[in-house]
Protein backbone atom coordinates (compact mmCIF):
# COMPACT_ATOMS: atom_id res chain seq x y z
CA MET A 1 110.17 75.00 74.42
CA ASN A 2 106.81 73.49 74.69
CA ALA A 3 103.90 74.94 76.68
CA LEU A 4 104.65 72.81 79.74
CA GLN A 5 108.25 74.01 79.97
CA THR A 6 107.14 77.62 79.51
CA ALA A 7 104.58 77.27 82.30
CA LYS A 8 107.18 75.67 84.58
CA ALA A 9 109.61 78.55 83.93
CA SER A 10 106.88 81.12 84.61
CA ILE A 11 105.97 79.43 87.89
CA GLN A 12 109.63 79.39 88.91
CA ARG A 13 109.98 83.13 88.17
CA LEU A 14 106.83 83.80 90.18
CA ALA A 15 108.18 81.79 93.13
CA ASP A 16 111.45 83.76 92.99
CA LEU A 17 109.51 87.03 92.89
CA LEU A 18 107.44 86.00 95.92
CA ARG A 19 110.61 85.15 97.87
CA SER A 20 112.16 88.53 97.05
CA THR A 21 109.00 90.43 98.03
CA HIS A 22 108.89 88.53 101.32
CA THR A 23 112.51 89.49 101.97
CA ALA A 24 111.78 93.14 101.13
CA ARG A 25 108.72 93.16 103.39
CA THR A 26 110.60 91.72 106.38
CA THR A 27 113.46 94.20 105.84
CA PHE A 28 110.99 97.10 105.76
CA GLN A 29 109.27 95.87 108.95
CA ALA A 30 112.64 95.67 110.70
CA LYS A 31 113.47 99.29 109.75
CA ARG A 32 110.13 100.76 110.84
CA LEU A 33 110.29 102.94 113.90
CA PRO A 34 108.25 101.88 116.91
CA PRO A 35 105.12 103.97 117.51
CA LEU A 36 105.58 106.96 119.77
CA PRO A 37 103.89 106.87 123.16
CA ALA A 38 100.77 108.98 123.68
CA PRO A 39 101.56 112.41 125.12
CA ARG A 40 100.78 113.05 128.77
CA ALA A 41 99.46 116.53 128.02
CA THR A 42 99.18 118.68 124.92
CA THR A 43 98.97 122.40 124.25
CA ALA A 44 97.72 124.44 121.31
CA TYR A 45 99.81 127.20 119.72
CA ILE A 46 98.30 129.61 117.24
CA SER A 47 101.10 130.04 114.73
CA GLY A 48 99.41 132.09 112.05
CA LYS A 49 96.12 132.78 110.35
CA GLY A 50 94.34 129.47 110.00
CA MET A 51 97.23 127.53 111.57
CA VAL A 52 97.02 126.00 115.03
CA GLN A 53 99.69 123.56 116.18
CA GLY A 54 99.01 120.79 118.66
CA ARG A 55 102.19 120.24 120.68
CA ASP A 56 103.34 117.82 123.34
CA ALA A 57 103.51 119.85 126.56
CA ASP A 58 106.59 118.00 127.85
CA THR A 59 108.80 117.90 124.76
CA GLY A 60 107.41 120.70 122.58
CA ARG A 61 107.19 118.30 119.64
CA VAL A 62 104.53 119.28 117.10
CA LEU A 63 101.92 116.53 116.92
CA GLY A 64 99.58 117.98 114.32
CA PHE A 65 98.18 121.03 112.59
CA ARG A 66 94.58 122.21 112.44
CA GLN A 67 92.84 125.28 111.00
CA THR A 68 90.73 126.31 113.98
CA PRO A 69 91.25 126.26 117.75
CA LYS A 70 88.17 124.05 118.09
CA GLU A 71 89.63 121.42 115.75
CA ALA A 72 92.95 121.68 117.61
CA ALA A 73 91.14 121.02 120.90
CA TRP A 74 89.56 117.90 119.38
CA LEU A 75 93.01 116.78 118.22
CA GLN A 76 94.48 117.37 121.67
CA GLN A 77 91.72 115.38 123.34
CA ALA A 78 92.11 112.49 120.89
CA LEU A 79 95.89 112.44 121.35
CA GLU A 80 95.67 112.45 125.13
CA ASN A 81 93.05 109.68 125.11
CA GLY A 82 95.11 107.62 122.67
CA THR A 83 92.25 107.43 120.15
CA HIS A 84 94.06 109.33 117.38
CA ALA A 85 96.41 107.35 115.16
CA ASN A 86 99.59 109.20 114.11
CA ALA A 87 98.66 112.83 113.92
C-alpha cells in the first residue's frame, strides 16, 4: 500500500467511527428521561447529625441533601423558584 491508499483507508475508518458515535449519541438521547417538573412546595427533614434532606412536600421524594438547615433552606428556595438544576 502506498501512502495515498493508507490515508484513504484511515479516512474511511474515521468516517465509520463518526457514524457509529452519532448513532450512539442519538440512542442515548432517546433513552434519557425527561426533566422532572419543579416542586410546588418543599420541606426540610433533619435526618441525622449534619444531614438535612430537602423533600417535595407533595410526593415525599428526596430532592437533595445539605449539611445545615440554612443550606437546606437555600436549596428549597432554589428548587421552588426553578433556579436549581437537578439537585
